[in-house]
Amino acid sequence: MLVNLTDVFTNEGRMQELSVPYEPETFTCQLGTYSIKEKTPVALKLSNAGQSKANVEGSVKLTFNMECGRCLKDVAYTFDLSFSFRALSPDCFDDEEESDEMEFMEGYHLNVDELINNEILLNWPMKVLCSESCKGICKVCGKNLNDGECGCDDFVPDPRMAAIKDIFNANKEV
C-alpha cells in the first residue's frame, strides 16, 4: 500500500493520522513462508519536520502461525510493532547516510507494506516455544514428549569414554 506524503512534505505544521491496511496474507523470508492469522490496520501519524521532511510514526499488531522450536506444534506468535523514522522527499535527498531511511519511499509515496516487512524481520524471534516447559520430541522415535514418555532408551554414553570402550570390546572373549 502506497501513502502519498506530498501534503506533509509541502505544508509546514501539517499533521495527518491514517489507518492503512497491511495487505499481505503471508510473510516469506529465508526461514520459510508464514501465514498471518490476525492483523490490525497500520496506524500512521505523519507530521511535517521542515522543508521536504516528514516524521513517520506508526504501529501494527500481527499474529502469525509458527512452529514451536522444540516440538514442532503450531503456535500463534504476535508481533506488536512500533516504528518511527524521518522521510525525505526525493528533491532534497542527497545524503548517503540517510539512504537506509529512503528504501521505503517510492517518489513521494511511502510503501507501507515494505516498511512493515522490514519491521517484522527486525523483530523476528530467535526461537518460538509453545511453552517454557516444552520437552520437545524424542530423538529416537520422534514422539512429542509433552504428550507423555515414549519408552525409548535415552542413554547417551560419554564420548570421552569411547576409547576405553573400544579397548574392552577388543579384549572381549567370545
Protein backbone atom coordinates (compact mmCIF):
# COMPACT_ATOMS: atom_id res chain seq x y z
CA MET A 1 0.00 0.00 0.00
CA LEU A 2 1.41 3.37 -1.02
CA VAL A 3 0.67 6.51 1.02
CA ASN A 4 1.15 9.92 -0.63
CA LEU A 5 3.27 12.24 1.56
CA THR A 6 3.18 15.30 -0.74
CA ASP A 7 0.86 17.32 1.55
CA VAL A 8 3.01 16.60 4.60
CA PHE A 9 6.25 17.48 2.78
CA THR A 10 4.97 20.81 1.46
CA ASN A 11 2.83 22.27 4.29
CA GLU A 12 4.65 23.46 7.39
CA GLY A 13 2.99 22.23 10.60
CA ARG A 14 0.88 19.71 8.69
CA MET A 15 -0.07 16.53 10.57
CA GLN A 16 -2.10 13.54 9.38
CA GLU A 17 -3.30 10.42 11.14
CA LEU A 18 -4.16 7.50 8.89
CA SER A 19 -5.29 3.91 9.23
CA VAL A 20 -3.87 1.86 6.37
CA PRO A 21 -4.45 -1.87 5.74
CA TYR A 22 -1.49 -4.27 5.67
CA GLU A 23 -2.38 -6.25 2.57
CA PRO A 24 -0.26 -9.47 2.52
CA GLU A 25 -1.86 -12.68 3.83
CA THR A 26 1.52 -14.44 4.20
CA PHE A 27 5.05 -13.41 5.08
CA THR A 28 8.00 -15.00 3.28
CA CYS A 29 11.62 -14.88 4.40
CA GLN A 30 14.65 -17.21 4.28
CA LEU A 31 13.15 -19.31 7.08
CA GLY A 32 10.00 -20.08 5.11
CA THR A 33 6.50 -18.80 4.47
CA TYR A 34 4.23 -18.00 7.41
CA SER A 35 0.50 -17.35 7.29
CA ILE A 36 -0.90 -14.32 9.06
CA LYS A 37 -3.86 -15.31 11.27
CA GLU A 38 -4.85 -11.85 12.50
CA LYS A 39 -3.82 -8.31 11.69
CA THR A 40 -4.82 -4.82 12.65
CA PRO A 41 -4.63 -1.84 10.28
CA VAL A 42 -1.39 0.12 10.36
CA ALA A 43 -1.90 3.30 12.41
CA LEU A 44 0.25 6.06 10.90
CA LYS A 45 0.97 9.53 12.24
CA LEU A 46 2.62 11.79 9.67
CA SER A 47 3.93 15.24 10.57
CA ASN A 48 5.94 17.90 8.76
CA ALA A 49 9.50 18.22 10.10
CA GLY A 50 10.71 21.07 7.94
CA GLN A 51 11.09 21.73 4.22
CA SER A 52 10.65 18.41 2.33
CA LYS A 53 10.93 16.32 5.53
CA ALA A 54 8.33 14.31 7.42
CA ASN A 55 8.28 12.33 10.65
CA VAL A 56 6.57 8.96 10.27
CA GLU A 57 5.35 7.11 13.37
CA GLY A 58 3.21 4.02 13.39
CA SER A 59 2.15 0.75 14.94
CA VAL A 60 0.57 -2.53 13.90
CA LYS A 61 -0.23 -5.87 15.52
CA LEU A 62 0.16 -9.11 13.52
CA THR A 63 -0.38 -12.72 14.64
CA PHE A 64 1.49 -15.42 12.72
CA ASN A 65 1.19 -19.22 12.62
CA MET A 66 4.66 -20.53 13.54
CA GLU A 67 6.12 -23.83 14.75
CA CYS A 68 7.45 -24.47 18.24
CA GLY A 69 11.24 -24.72 18.10
CA ARG A 70 11.23 -27.90 20.22
CA CYS A 71 8.10 -29.96 19.48
CA LEU A 72 7.05 -28.51 16.07
CA LYS A 73 3.49 -27.84 17.30
CA ASP A 74 1.68 -24.86 15.72
CA VAL A 75 1.92 -21.71 17.83
CA ALA A 76 0.26 -18.31 17.43
CA TYR A 77 3.01 -15.68 17.74
CA THR A 78 2.08 -11.98 17.93
CA PHE A 79 4.26 -9.15 16.66
CA ASP A 80 3.35 -5.85 18.33
CA LEU A 81 5.34 -3.45 16.15
CA SER A 82 6.03 0.26 16.67
CA PHE A 83 8.29 2.33 14.45
CA SER A 84 9.35 5.90 13.72
CA PHE A 85 11.69 7.45 11.18
CA ARG A 86 12.22 10.61 9.14
CA ALA A 87 11.24 10.53 5.48
CA LEU A 88 12.73 12.89 2.90
CA SER A 89 11.19 13.94 -0.38
CA PRO A 90 13.11 12.89 -3.50
CA ASP A 91 14.04 16.51 -4.38
CA CYS A 92 16.07 17.06 -1.19
CA PHE A 93 17.60 13.60 -0.89
CA ASP A 94 21.37 13.68 -1.47
CA ASP A 95 22.97 12.34 1.71
CA GLU A 96 24.43 8.80 1.56
CA GLU A 97 23.94 8.20 5.31
CA GLU A 98 20.17 8.51 5.05
CA SER A 99 19.79 6.02 2.17
CA ASP A 100 18.61 3.31 4.61
CA GLU A 101 15.68 5.50 5.62
CA MET A 102 14.69 6.03 1.99
CA GLU A 103 14.25 2.39 0.98
CA PHE A 104 10.54 2.64 1.91
CA MET A 105 9.96 5.67 -0.32
CA GLU A 106 8.85 5.44 -3.94
CA GLY A 107 9.00 9.01 -5.13
CA TYR A 108 6.65 10.98 -2.86
CA HIS A 109 4.90 7.80 -1.66
CA LEU A 110 5.60 5.69 1.43
CA ASN A 111 5.48 1.93 0.79
CA VAL A 112 3.77 0.74 3.98
CA ASP A 113 3.99 -2.99 3.19
CA GLU A 114 7.79 -2.83 2.72
CA LEU A 115 8.12 -0.83 5.93
CA ILE A 116 6.14 -3.43 7.92
CA ASN A 117 8.05 -6.34 6.32
CA ASN A 118 11.31 -4.73 7.44
CA GLU A 119 9.98 -4.24 10.99
CA ILE A 120 8.91 -7.91 11.13
CA LEU A 121 12.43 -9.02 10.17
CA LEU A 122 14.00 -6.70 12.75
CA ASN A 123 11.74 -8.13 15.49
CA TRP A 124 11.92 -11.80 14.44
CA PRO A 125 12.31 -14.08 17.49
CA MET A 126 15.33 -16.34 17.92
CA LYS A 127 13.10 -19.24 18.96
CA VAL A 128 9.35 -19.67 19.34
CA LEU A 129 8.16 -22.07 22.05
CA CYS A 130 4.67 -23.38 22.75
CA SER A 131 5.51 -23.12 26.47
CA GLU A 132 8.63 -22.55 28.56
CA SER A 133 8.37 -26.14 29.84
CA CYS A 134 8.17 -27.73 26.36
CA LYS A 135 10.02 -31.07 26.36
CA GLY A 136 10.41 -31.32 22.59
CA ILE A 137 10.41 -34.55 20.59
CA CYS A 138 12.16 -37.88 21.16
CA LYS A 139 15.47 -38.13 19.30
CA VAL A 140 14.84 -41.81 18.57
CA CYS A 141 11.18 -42.18 17.56
CA GLY A 142 10.03 -38.53 17.10
CA LYS A 143 7.12 -38.67 19.56
CA ASN A 144 6.06 -35.39 21.16
CA LEU A 145 7.32 -35.75 24.76
CA ASN A 146 4.72 -33.23 26.01
CA ASP A 147 2.08 -35.93 25.38
CA GLY A 148 3.94 -38.48 27.55
CA GLU A 149 7.07 -40.62 27.63
CA CYS A 150 7.74 -42.87 24.65
CA GLY A 151 9.80 -45.59 26.37
CA CYS A 152 12.83 -45.27 24.09
CA ASP A 153 16.31 -45.78 25.54
CA ASP A 154 17.65 -42.26 26.01
CA PHE A 155 21.04 -43.26 27.47
CA VAL A 156 23.83 -41.34 25.76
CA PRO A 157 27.33 -42.65 26.57
CA ASP A 158 30.06 -40.18 27.43
CA PRO A 159 32.10 -39.66 24.22
CA ARG A 160 35.27 -39.23 26.29
CA MET A 161 34.98 -42.89 27.33
CA ALA A 162 34.76 -44.21 23.73
CA ALA A 163 38.47 -45.13 23.60
CA ILE A 164 38.20 -47.19 26.79
CA LYS A 165 35.05 -48.89 25.50
CA ASP A 166 36.94 -49.89 22.32
CA ILE A 167 39.72 -51.47 24.44
CA PHE A 168 37.20 -53.54 26.40
CA ASN A 169 35.39 -54.61 23.22
CA ALA A 170 38.69 -55.61 21.55
CA ASN A 171 39.72 -57.81 24.51
CA LYS A 172 36.32 -59.35 24.98
CA GLU A 173 36.31 -63.12 24.66
CA VAL A 174 33.62 -64.61 22.53
